[in-house]
Amino acid sequence: MHRAFMHFKEQAELLSEGRIQVKVISNGIFGGDRALTESVALDSIQLAAPSTAPLSSFSPNMGVWDIAYLFKDKPTAYRVFDGPLGQRLLDELSVKRIKGLGYWESGFRNLTSNKASVQSVTDLRGVKIRTLETPAQLRAWGGTGAAPTPMAFPEVYTGLQQGTIDAQENPITLIYSQRFYEVQKTLTLSEHIYSVNPLILSQKFYDSLPSDLQEVVEIAGKSSVDFSRKESAKDELEALEQMKTEGLHVEELSPEGRSELREAMQKATIPYVRSTLGDEIVDSVMKEVQG
């Protein structure tokens, strides 16, 4: 994400002719995603790109993106996130003094495991999978017969290494950067959830800008979204090739296996999401996905 922040900085400073200056501070100095979100709402910092999980605490409808197998491919995801529903969910953040500028790509989440192959829910039965501690994802993996196991992210590598957990799921670039391939046998390209990091801005800061600079910020935000998607696609290809070279077995999920996982995960998650967020938002996203 650092490169996407640097792209935003470059565009904002260029288009504003230096009237906007952006200082990018990395390495988690401001804390985790929830702390970042709170800091943006309070205008302690002006810009961040957290995951959707903490944002759903501020705007519950963000949780709709946790439905498994919502998107069949990236073009469909781009159309929905860039369309009226994606914008609506960004706009709903305004009640918490947050302005959403767009959705940076984190990528499809995929499964790694210590199994030779995962092609059906039968292969997942009893497998201890480290998942995000979100109710929808815990239900999704539980629906497959696996044993979803929340675990702090810094502990995942050791957990896989010591056998505390058998599997984990993350975007390809994260699997590579965290070297999970060193302690796993197989990467199954399950593509079960398309993950994003919404780019958020302090509403107070945005409101303090004259209209021409507000436009600059929005243009820079949109440009950084396109940049993140292009960089993510390139990084994924490079990471896959490198992990194969390192000896990781990479397999496609068969159409039959994908259909089986989709049915099991959605059966476990959609009723829950409907019960917590209501039918309207779920029906809206399903309609948008179908186009």
C-alpha atoms as a PDB file:
ATOM      1  CA  MET A   1       0.000   0.000   0.000  1.00  0.00           C
ATOM      2  CA  HIS A   2       2.964   2.308   0.494  1.00  0.00           C
ATOM      3  CA  ARG A   3       3.295   2.748  -3.268  1.00  0.00           C
ATOM      4  CA  ALA A   4      -0.382   3.671  -3.559  1.00  0.00           C
ATOM      5  CA  PHE A   5       0.028   6.296  -0.830  1.00  0.00           C
ATOM      6  CA  MET A   6       3.057   7.679  -2.653  1.00  0.00           C
ATOM      7  CA  HIS A   7       1.034   7.819  -5.871  1.00  0.00           C
ATOM      8  CA  PHE A   8      -1.727   9.736  -4.075  1.00  0.00           C
ATOM      9  CA  LYS A   9       0.874  12.117  -2.665  1.00  0.00           C
ATOM     10  CA  GLU A  10       2.425  12.690  -6.081  1.00  0.00           C
ATOM     11  CA  GLN A  11      -0.926  13.364  -7.747  1.00  0.00           C
ATOM     12  CA  ALA A  12      -2.321  15.585  -4.977  1.00  0.00           C
ATOM     13  CA  GLU A  13       0.805  17.736  -4.821  1.00  0.00           C
ATOM     14  CA  LEU A  14       1.115  17.946  -8.607  1.00  0.00           C
ATOM     15  CA  LEU A  15      -2.519  18.802  -9.325  1.00  0.00           C
ATOM     16  CA  SER A  16      -2.684  21.333  -6.477  1.00  0.00           C
ATOM     17  CA  GLU A  17       0.615  22.903  -7.603  1.00  0.00           C
ATOM     18  CA  GLY A  18       1.980  22.374  -4.112  1.00  0.00           C
ATOM     19  CA  ARG A  19      -0.974  23.825  -2.207  1.00  0.00           C
ATOM     20  CA  ILE A  20      -1.577  20.359  -0.752  1.00  0.00           C
ATOM     21  CA  GLN A  21       1.375  18.642   0.904  1.00  0.00           C
ATOM     22  CA  VAL A  22       1.136  14.975   1.872  1.00  0.00           C
ATOM     23  CA  LYS A  23       3.404  13.331   4.442  1.00  0.00           C
ATOM     24  CA  VAL A  24       3.324   9.532   4.245  1.00  0.00           C
ATOM     25  CA  ILE A  25       4.113   7.778   7.538  1.00  0.00           C
ATOM     26  CA  SER A  26       4.408   3.981   7.410  1.00  0.00           C
ATOM     27  CA  ASN A  27       5.383   1.069   9.659  1.00  0.00           C
ATOM     28  CA  GLY A  28       2.215   1.027  11.757  1.00  0.00           C
ATOM     29  CA  ILE A  29       3.185   4.037  13.850  1.00  0.00           C
ATOM     30  CA  PHE A  30      -0.480   5.012  14.300  1.00  0.00           C
ATOM     31  CA  GLY A  31      -1.612   1.524  15.304  1.00  0.00           C
ATOM     32  CA  GLY A  32      -3.860  -1.054  13.676  1.00  0.00           C
ATOM     33  CA  ASP A  33      -6.748  -0.538  11.293  1.00  0.00           C
ATOM     34  CA  ARG A  34      -9.295   0.332  13.977  1.00  0.00           C
ATOM     35  CA  ALA A  35      -6.978   2.921  15.531  1.00  0.00           C
ATOM     36  CA  LEU A  36      -6.313   4.380  12.077  1.00  0.00           C
ATOM     37  CA  THR A  37     -10.031   4.660  11.374  1.00  0.00           C
ATOM     38  CA  GLU A  38     -10.682   6.369  14.708  1.00  0.00           C
ATOM     39  CA  SER A  39      -7.786   8.771  14.098  1.00  0.00           C
ATOM     40  CA  VAL A  40      -9.182   9.762  10.704  1.00  0.00           C
ATOM     41  CA  ALA A  41     -12.638  10.328  12.217  1.00  0.00           C
ATOM     42  CA  LEU A  42     -11.057  12.565  14.869  1.00  0.00           C
ATOM     43  CA  ASP A  43      -8.857  14.358  12.295  1.00  0.00           C
ATOM     44  CA  SER A  44      -5.744  13.295  14.227  1.00  0.00           C
ATOM     45  CA  ILE A  45      -4.507  12.024  10.887  1.00  0.00           C
ATOM     46  CA  GLN A  46      -6.109  12.890   7.591  1.00  0.00           C
ATOM     47  CA  LEU A  47      -5.730   9.834   5.366  1.00  0.00           C
ATOM     48  CA  ALA A  48      -5.664   6.050   5.806  1.00  0.00           C
ATOM     49  CA  ALA A  49      -6.593   2.828   4.008  1.00  0.00           C
ATOM     50  CA  PRO A  50      -7.832   0.286   6.578  1.00  0.00           C
ATOM     51  CA  SER A  51      -9.524  -3.006   5.794  1.00  0.00           C
ATOM     52  CA  THR A  52     -13.322  -3.167   5.717  1.00  0.00           C
ATOM     53  CA  ALA A  53     -13.592  -5.035   9.049  1.00  0.00           C
ATOM     54  CA  PRO A  54     -12.959  -2.025  11.332  1.00  0.00           C
ATOM     55  CA  LEU A  55     -14.974   0.237   9.037  1.00  0.00           C
ATOM     56  CA  SER A  56     -18.023  -1.975   9.554  1.00  0.00           C
ATOM     57  CA  SER A  57     -17.942  -0.884  13.212  1.00  0.00           C
ATOM     58  CA  PHE A  58     -18.434   2.688  12.002  1.00  0.00           C
ATOM     59  CA  SER A  59     -20.767   1.881   9.105  1.00  0.00           C
ATOM     60  CA  PRO A  60     -22.304  -1.613   9.447  1.00  0.00           C
ATOM     61  CA  ASN A  61     -23.203  -1.973   5.771  1.00  0.00           C
ATOM     62  CA  MET A  62     -19.482  -2.308   4.981  1.00  0.00           C
ATOM     63  CA  GLY A  63     -19.928  -5.834   6.331  1.00  0.00           C
ATOM     64  CA  VAL A  64     -21.822  -6.815   3.180  1.00  0.00           C
ATOM     65  CA  TRP A  65     -18.487  -7.218   1.380  1.00  0.00           C
ATOM     66  CA  ASP A  66     -17.764 -10.194   3.693  1.00  0.00           C
ATOM     67  CA  ILE A  67     -20.199 -12.424   1.797  1.00  0.00           C
ATOM     68  CA  ALA A  68     -18.177 -15.265   0.308  1.00  0.00           C
ATOM     69  CA  TYR A  69     -18.060 -15.689  -3.470  1.00  0.00           C
ATOM     70  CA  LEU A  70     -19.770 -12.372  -4.050  1.00  0.00           C
ATOM     71  CA  PHE A  71     -17.640 -11.620  -7.124  1.00  0.00           C
ATOM     72  CA  LYS A  72     -16.827 -14.077  -9.905  1.00  0.00           C
ATOM     73  CA  ASP A  73     -13.881 -12.012 -11.148  1.00  0.00           C
ATOM     74  CA  LYS A  74     -12.095  -8.680 -10.761  1.00  0.00           C
ATOM     75  CA  PRO A  75     -13.985  -6.818 -13.544  1.00  0.00           C
ATOM     76  CA  THR A  76     -17.252  -7.565 -11.731  1.00  0.00           C
ATOM     77  CA  ALA A  77     -15.780  -6.356  -8.442  1.00  0.00           C
ATOM     78  CA  TYR A  78     -14.495  -3.153 -10.069  1.00  0.00           C
ATOM     79  CA  ARG A  79     -17.900  -2.452 -11.606  1.00  0.00           C
ATOM     80  CA  VAL A  80     -19.673  -2.822  -8.261  1.00  0.00           C
ATOM     81  CA  PHE A  81     -17.139  -0.942  -6.127  1.00  0.00           C
ATOM     82  CA  ASP A  82     -16.931   1.897  -8.673  1.00  0.00           C
ATOM     83  CA  GLY A  83     -20.699   1.997  -9.143  1.00  0.00           C
ATOM     84  CA  PRO A  84     -23.576   3.544  -7.184  1.00  0.00           C
ATOM     85  CA  LEU A  85     -23.630   0.898  -4.442  1.00  0.00           C
ATOM     86  CA  GLY A  86     -19.911   1.188  -3.775  1.00  0.00           C
ATOM     87  CA  GLN A  87     -20.266   4.968  -3.612  1.00  0.00           C
ATOM     88  CA  ARG A  88     -23.296   4.699  -1.347  1.00  0.00           C
ATOM     89  CA  LEU A  89     -21.323   2.719   1.225  1.00  0.00           C
ATOM     90  CA  LEU A  90     -18.493   5.254   1.100  1.00  0.00           C
ATOM     91  CA  ASP A  91     -21.009   8.077   1.565  1.00  0.00           C
ATOM     92  CA  GLU A  92     -22.496   6.340   4.625  1.00  0.00           C
ATOM     93  CA  LEU A  93     -19.177   6.889   6.412  1.00  0.00           C
ATOM     94  CA  SER A  94     -19.867  10.632   6.482  1.00  0.00           C
ATOM     95  CA  VAL A  95     -22.006  10.319   9.621  1.00  0.00           C
ATOM     96  CA  LYS A  96     -18.794   9.316  11.408  1.00  0.00           C
ATOM     97  CA  ARG A  97     -16.895  12.294   9.973  1.00  0.00           C
ATOM     98  CA  ILE A  98     -15.119  10.131   7.403  1.00  0.00           C
ATOM     99  CA  LYS A  99     -15.058  10.709   3.651  1.00  0.00           C
ATOM    100  CA  GLY A 100     -14.526   7.674   1.442  1.00  0.00           C
ATOM    101  CA  LEU A 101     -12.466   8.299  -1.690  1.00  0.00           C
ATOM    102  CA  GLY A 102     -12.447   4.833  -3.248  1.00  0.00           C
ATOM    103  CA  TYR A 103     -11.433   1.212  -2.787  1.00  0.00           C
ATOM    104  CA  TRP A 104      -7.819   0.137  -3.080  1.00  0.00           C
ATOM    105  CA  GLU A 105      -7.251  -3.438  -4.146  1.00  0.00           C
ATOM    106  CA  SER A 106      -5.961  -5.979  -1.681  1.00  0.00           C
ATOM    107  CA  GLY A 107      -6.963  -8.857  -3.944  1.00  0.00           C
ATOM    108  CA  PHE A 108      -8.824 -12.124  -3.881  1.00  0.00           C
ATOM    109  CA  ARG A 109      -8.211 -14.153  -0.755  1.00  0.00           C
ATOM    110  CA  ASN A 110      -6.892 -17.666  -1.407  1.00  0.00           C
ATOM    111  CA  LEU A 111      -6.307 -20.734   0.739  1.00  0.00           C
ATOM    112  CA  THR A 112      -2.964 -22.255   1.685  1.00  0.00           C
ATOM    113  CA  SER A 113      -2.809 -25.544   3.570  1.00  0.00           C
ATOM    114  CA  ASN A 114      -0.622 -28.436   4.612  1.00  0.00           C
ATOM    115  CA  LYS A 115      -2.730 -30.767   2.448  1.00  0.00           C
ATOM    116  CA  ALA A 116      -1.675 -32.126  -0.944  1.00  0.00           C
ATOM    117  CA  SER A 117      -4.847 -30.706  -2.508  1.00  0.00           C
ATOM    118  CA  VAL A 118      -8.117 -28.990  -1.578  1.00  0.00           C
ATOM    119  CA  GLN A 119     -10.871 -29.475  -4.138  1.00  0.00           C
ATOM    120  CA  SER A 120     -14.028 -29.996  -2.072  1.00  0.00           C
ATOM    121  CA  VAL A 121     -15.619 -29.389   1.304  1.00  0.00           C
ATOM    122  CA  THR A 122     -14.660 -32.976   2.142  1.00  0.00           C
ATOM    123  CA  ASP A 123     -11.009 -31.938   1.926  1.00  0.00           C
ATOM    124  CA  LEU A 124     -11.672 -29.161   4.452  1.00  0.00           C
ATOM    125  CA  ARG A 125     -13.411 -31.232   7.098  1.00  0.00           C
ATOM    126  CA  GLY A 126     -11.747 -30.611  10.465  1.00  0.00           C
ATOM    127  CA  VAL A 127      -8.955 -28.497   8.971  1.00  0.00           C
ATOM    128  CA  LYS A 128      -7.930 -25.722  11.375  1.00  0.00           C
ATOM    129  CA  ILE A 129      -7.966 -22.562   9.249  1.00  0.00           C
ATOM    130  CA  ARG A 130      -6.778 -19.214  10.540  1.00  0.00           C
ATOM    131  CA  THR A 131      -9.432 -16.690   9.533  1.00  0.00           C
ATOM    132  CA  LEU A 132     -10.259 -13.090  10.249  1.00  0.00           C
ATOM    133  CA  GLU A 133     -12.268 -12.693  13.438  1.00  0.00           C
ATOM    134  CA  THR A 134     -15.396 -11.494  11.668  1.00  0.00           C
ATOM    135  CA  PRO A 135     -18.698 -13.313  12.239  1.00  0.00           C
ATOM    136  CA  ALA A 136     -19.390 -13.758   8.516  1.00  0.00           C
ATOM    137  CA  GLN A 137     -16.010 -15.329   7.765  1.00  0.00           C
ATOM    138  CA  LEU A 138     -16.131 -17.578  10.825  1.00  0.00           C
ATOM    139  CA  ARG A 139     -19.536 -18.807   9.677  1.00  0.00           C
ATOM    140  CA  ALA A 140     -18.384 -19.220   6.079  1.00  0.00           C
ATOM    141  CA  TRP A 141     -15.519 -21.547   6.936  1.00  0.00           C
ATOM    142  CA  GLY A 142     -17.569 -23.319   9.577  1.00  0.00           C
ATOM    143  CA  GLY A 143     -20.106 -24.005   6.845  1.00  0.00           C
ATOM    144  CA  THR A 144     -17.504 -25.973   4.904  1.00  0.00           C
ATOM    145  CA  GLY A 145     -16.861 -28.300   7.830  1.00  0.00           C
ATOM    146  CA  ALA A 146     -13.501 -26.723   8.592  1.00  0.00           C
ATOM    147  CA  ALA A 147     -12.512 -25.479  12.048  1.00  0.00           C
ATOM    148  CA  PRO A 148     -12.101 -21.692  11.702  1.00  0.00           C
ATOM    149  CA  THR A 149      -9.472 -20.500  14.166  1.00  0.00           C
ATOM    150  CA  PRO A 150      -9.002 -16.762  14.804  1.00  0.00           C
ATOM    151  CA  MET A 151      -5.373 -15.865  15.462  1.00  0.00           C
ATOM    152  CA  ALA A 152      -3.440 -12.601  15.641  1.00  0.00           C
ATOM    153  CA  PHE A 153      -1.741 -11.977  12.319  1.00  0.00           C
ATOM    154  CA  PRO A 154       1.834 -11.846  13.698  1.00  0.00           C
ATOM    155  CA  GLU A 155       1.332 -15.345  15.127  1.00  0.00           C
ATOM    156  CA  VAL A 156       0.200 -17.010  11.886  1.00  0.00           C
ATOM    157  CA  TYR A 157       3.613 -18.064  10.542  1.00  0.00           C
ATOM    158  CA  THR A 158       4.581 -19.712  13.830  1.00  0.00           C
ATOM    159  CA  GLY A 159       1.123 -21.269  14.119  1.00  0.00           C
ATOM    160  CA  LEU A 160       1.524 -22.883  10.698  1.00  0.00           C
ATOM    161  CA  GLN A 161       5.089 -23.912  11.446  1.00  0.00           C
ATOM    162  CA  GLN A 162       4.190 -25.581  14.754  1.00  0.00           C
ATOM    163  CA  GLY A 163       0.934 -27.131  13.525  1.00  0.00           C
ATOM    164  CA  THR A 164      -1.332 -25.102  15.796  1.00  0.00           C
ATOM    165  CA  ILE A 165      -3.231 -24.342  12.600  1.00  0.00           C
ATOM    166  CA  ASP A 166      -3.280 -26.297   9.329  1.00  0.00           C
ATOM    167  CA  ALA A 167      -4.189 -23.555   6.892  1.00  0.00           C
ATOM    168  CA  GLN A 168      -4.751 -19.848   6.391  1.00  0.00           C
ATOM    169  CA  GLU A 169      -6.340 -17.571   3.788  1.00  0.00           C
ATOM    170  CA  ASN A 170      -5.060 -14.251   2.479  1.00  0.00           C
ATOM    171  CA  PRO A 171      -4.399 -12.379  -0.764  1.00  0.00           C
ATOM    172  CA  ILE A 172      -1.516 -13.791  -2.815  1.00  0.00           C
ATOM    173  CA  THR A 173       0.760 -10.818  -2.241  1.00  0.00           C
ATOM    174  CA  LEU A 174       0.402 -11.176   1.526  1.00  0.00           C
ATOM    175  CA  ILE A 175       0.990 -14.922   1.405  1.00  0.00           C
ATOM    176  CA  TYR A 176       4.242 -14.156  -0.384  1.00  0.00           C
ATOM    177  CA  SER A 177       5.409 -11.182   1.682  1.00  0.00           C
ATOM    178  CA  GLN A 178       4.775 -13.060   4.944  1.00  0.00           C
ATOM    179  CA  ARG A 179       6.514 -16.175   3.566  1.00  0.00           C
ATOM    180  CA  PHE A 180       3.617 -18.463   4.494  1.00  0.00           C
ATOM    181  CA  TYR A 181       4.614 -20.609   1.508  1.00  0.00           C
ATOM    182  CA  GLU A 182       7.635 -21.760   3.531  1.00  0.00           C
ATOM    183  CA  VAL A 183       5.402 -23.608   6.000  1.00  0.00           C
ATOM    184  CA  GLN A 184       2.565 -24.741   3.705  1.00  0.00           C
ATOM    185  CA  LYS A 185       2.350 -27.403   0.997  1.00  0.00           C
ATOM    186  CA  THR A 186      -0.375 -26.083  -1.276  1.00  0.00           C
ATOM    187  CA  LEU A 187      -1.923 -22.844  -2.476  1.00  0.00           C
ATOM    188  CA  THR A 188      -5.464 -23.417  -3.711  1.00  0.00           C
ATOM    189  CA  LEU A 189      -6.714 -20.516  -5.837  1.00  0.00           C
ATOM    190  CA  SER A 190     -10.103 -20.435  -4.134  1.00  0.00           C
ATOM    191  CA  GLU A 191     -10.680 -16.693  -4.680  1.00  0.00           C
ATOM    192  CA  HIS A 192     -13.435 -16.823  -2.075  1.00  0.00           C
ATOM    193  CA  ILE A 193     -13.454 -13.140  -1.075  1.00  0.00           C
ATOM    194  CA  TYR A 194     -12.286 -10.050  -2.944  1.00  0.00           C
ATOM    195  CA  SER A 195     -10.628  -7.830  -0.342  1.00  0.00           C
ATOM    196  CA  VAL A 196     -10.323  -4.066  -0.515  1.00  0.00           C
ATOM    197  CA  ASN A 197      -8.841  -1.299   1.594  1.00  0.00           C
ATOM    198  CA  PRO A 198     -11.101   1.745   1.384  1.00  0.00           C
ATOM    199  CA  LEU A 199      -9.147   4.985   1.098  1.00  0.00           C
ATOM    200  CA  ILE A 200     -10.611   7.283   3.750  1.00  0.00           C
ATOM    201  CA  LEU A 201     -10.099  10.961   4.479  1.00  0.00           C
ATOM    202  CA  SER A 202     -10.946  13.130   7.464  1.00  0.00           C
ATOM    203  CA  GLN A 203     -14.270  14.825   6.674  1.00  0.00           C
ATOM    204  CA  LYS A 204     -13.170  17.802   8.757  1.00  0.00           C
ATOM    205  CA  PHE A 205     -10.043  18.194   6.651  1.00  0.00           C
ATOM    206  CA  TYR A 206     -11.992  17.780   3.407  1.00  0.00           C
ATOM    207  CA  ASP A 207     -14.556  20.392   4.462  1.00  0.00           C
ATOM    208  CA  SER A 208     -11.752  22.845   5.273  1.00  0.00           C
ATOM    209  CA  LEU A 209     -10.511  22.783   1.672  1.00  0.00           C
ATOM    210  CA  PRO A 210     -11.714  25.180  -1.033  1.00  0.00           C
ATOM    211  CA  SER A 211     -13.775  23.485  -3.745  1.00  0.00           C
ATOM    212  CA  ASP A 212     -10.908  23.277  -6.251  1.00  0.00           C
ATOM    213  CA  LEU A 213      -8.713  21.422  -3.756  1.00  0.00           C
ATOM    214  CA  GLN A 214     -11.583  19.134  -2.789  1.00  0.00           C
ATOM    215  CA  GLU A 215     -11.714  18.183  -6.461  1.00  0.00           C
ATOM    216  CA  VAL A 216      -7.946  17.591  -6.478  1.00  0.00           C
ATOM    217  CA  VAL A 217      -8.228  15.225  -3.510  1.00  0.00           C
ATOM    218  CA  GLU A 218     -11.021  13.275  -5.208  1.00  0.00           C
ATOM    219  CA  ILE A 219      -9.101  13.016  -8.496  1.00  0.00           C
ATOM    220  CA  ALA A 220      -5.954  11.889  -6.673  1.00  0.00           C
ATOM    221  CA  GLY A 221      -8.033   9.319  -4.797  1.00  0.00           C
ATOM    222  CA  LYS A 222      -9.533   7.868  -7.987  1.00  0.00           C
ATOM    223  CA  SER A 223      -6.104   7.803  -9.621  1.00  0.00           C
ATOM    224  CA  SER A 224      -4.643   5.922  -6.661  1.00  0.00           C
ATOM    225  CA  VAL A 225      -7.429   3.312  -6.935  1.00  0.00           C
ATOM    226  CA  ASP A 226      -6.487   2.600 -10.561  1.00  0.00           C
ATOM    227  CA  PHE A 227      -2.823   2.522  -9.566  1.00  0.00           C
ATOM    228  CA  SER A 228      -3.433   0.032  -6.741  1.00  0.00           C
ATOM    229  CA  ARG A 229      -5.277  -2.333  -9.079  1.00  0.00           C
ATOM    230  CA  LYS A 230      -2.556  -2.316 -11.729  1.00  0.00           C
ATOM    231  CA  GLU A 231       0.200  -2.787  -9.164  1.00  0.00           C
ATOM    232  CA  SER A 232      -1.728  -5.554  -7.408  1.00  0.00           C
ATOM    233  CA  ALA A 233      -2.174  -7.511 -10.651  1.00  0.00           C
ATOM    234  CA  LYS A 234       1.534  -7.238 -11.434  1.00  0.00           C
ATOM    235  CA  ASP A 235       2.583  -8.127  -7.883  1.00  0.00           C
ATOM    236  CA  GLU A 236       0.301 -11.182  -7.810  1.00  0.00           C
ATOM    237  CA  LEU A 237       1.823 -12.649 -10.971  1.00  0.00           C
ATOM    238  CA  GLU A 238       5.353 -12.108  -9.696  1.00  0.00           C
ATOM    239  CA  ALA A 239       4.521 -13.566  -6.270  1.00  0.00           C
ATOM    240  CA  LEU A 240       2.900 -16.666  -7.772  1.00  0.00           C
ATOM    241  CA  GLU A 241       5.883 -17.399  -9.981  1.00  0.00           C
ATOM    242  CA  GLN A 242       8.319 -16.899  -7.122  1.00  0.00           C
ATOM    243  CA  MET A 243       6.372 -19.181  -4.770  1.00  0.00           C
ATOM    244  CA  LYS A 244       6.232 -21.886  -7.437  1.00  0.00           C
ATOM    245  CA  THR A 245       9.990 -21.570  -7.830  1.00  0.00           C
ATOM    246  CA  GLU A 246      10.342 -22.000  -4.056  1.00  0.00           C
ATOM    247  CA  GLY A 247       8.466 -25.302  -4.287  1.00  0.00           C
ATOM    248  CA  LEU A 248       4.886 -24.398  -3.326  1.00  0.00           C
ATOM    249  CA  HIS A 249       2.251 -26.469  -5.132  1.00  0.00           C
ATOM    250  CA  VAL A 250      -0.246 -24.076  -6.741  1.00  0.00           C
ATOM    251  CA  GLU A 251      -3.563 -25.471  -7.939  1.00  0.00           C
ATOM    252  CA  GLU A 252      -6.682 -24.076  -9.569  1.00  0.00           C
ATOM    253  CA  LEU A 253      -9.970 -24.845  -7.872  1.00  0.00           C
ATOM    254  CA  SER A 254     -12.142 -26.918 -10.199  1.00  0.00           C
ATOM    255  CA  PRO A 255     -15.527 -25.483 -11.297  1.00  0.00           C
ATOM    256  CA  GLU A 256     -17.229 -28.239  -9.302  1.00  0.00           C
ATOM    257  CA  GLY A 257     -15.160 -27.467  -6.220  1.00  0.00           C
ATOM    258  CA  ARG A 258     -15.814 -23.743  -6.552  1.00  0.00           C
ATOM    259  CA  SER A 259     -19.548 -24.341  -6.837  1.00  0.00           C
ATOM    260  CA  GLU A 260     -19.494 -26.613  -3.786  1.00  0.00           C
ATOM    261  CA  LEU A 261     -17.552 -24.113  -1.672  1.00  0.00           C
ATOM    262  CA  ARG A 262     -19.736 -21.219  -2.818  1.00  0.00           C
ATOM    263  CA  GLU A 263     -22.913 -23.062  -1.867  1.00  0.00           C
ATOM    264  CA  ALA A 264     -21.592 -24.099   1.557  1.00  0.00           C
ATOM    265  CA  MET A 265     -20.165 -20.671   2.424  1.00  0.00           C
ATOM    266  CA  GLN A 266     -23.103 -18.614   1.198  1.00  0.00           C
ATOM    267  CA  LYS A 267     -25.600 -20.901   2.911  1.00  0.00           C
ATOM    268  CA  ALA A 268     -23.762 -20.217   6.171  1.00  0.00           C
ATOM    269  CA  THR A 269     -23.236 -16.466   5.708  1.00  0.00           C
ATOM    270  CA  ILE A 270     -26.052 -14.860   3.736  1.00  0.00           C
ATOM    271  CA  PRO A 271     -28.803 -15.558   6.325  1.00  0.00           C
ATOM    272  CA  TYR A 272     -26.523 -14.091   9.007  1.00  0.00           C
ATOM    273  CA  VAL A 273     -25.754 -10.975   6.971  1.00  0.00           C
ATOM    274  CA  ARG A 274     -29.466 -10.533   6.225  1.00  0.00           C
ATOM    275  CA  SER A 275     -30.292 -10.825   9.925  1.00  0.00           C
ATOM    276  CA  THR A 276     -27.709  -8.206  10.926  1.00  0.00           C
ATOM    277  CA  LEU A 277     -27.819  -5.728   8.030  1.00  0.00           C
ATOM    278  CA  GLY A 278     -31.283  -6.300   6.605  1.00  0.00           C
ATOM    279  CA  ASP A 279     -32.602  -7.565   3.284  1.00  0.00           C
ATOM    280  CA  GLU A 280     -32.308  -4.265   1.410  1.00  0.00           C
ATOM    281  CA  ILE A 281     -28.510  -3.993   1.369  1.00  0.00           C
ATOM    282  CA  VAL A 282     -28.038  -7.712   0.622  1.00  0.00           C
ATOM    283  CA  ASP A 283     -30.577  -7.612  -2.217  1.00  0.00           C
ATOM    284  CA  SER A 284     -28.936  -4.452  -3.556  1.00  0.00           C
ATOM    285  CA  VAL A 285     -25.455  -5.965  -3.688  1.00  0.00           C
ATOM    286  CA  MET A 286     -26.731  -9.183  -5.251  1.00  0.00           C
ATOM    287  CA  LYS A 287     -28.528  -7.179  -7.935  1.00  0.00           C
ATOM    288  CA  GLU A 288     -25.414  -5.096  -8.627  1.00  0.00           C
ATOM    289  CA  VAL A 289     -23.228  -8.191  -8.873  1.00  0.00           C
ATOM    290  CA  GLN A 290     -25.565  -9.770 -11.410  1.00  0.00           C
ATOM    291  CA  GLY A 291     -25.458  -6.553 -13.436  1.00  0.00           C
END
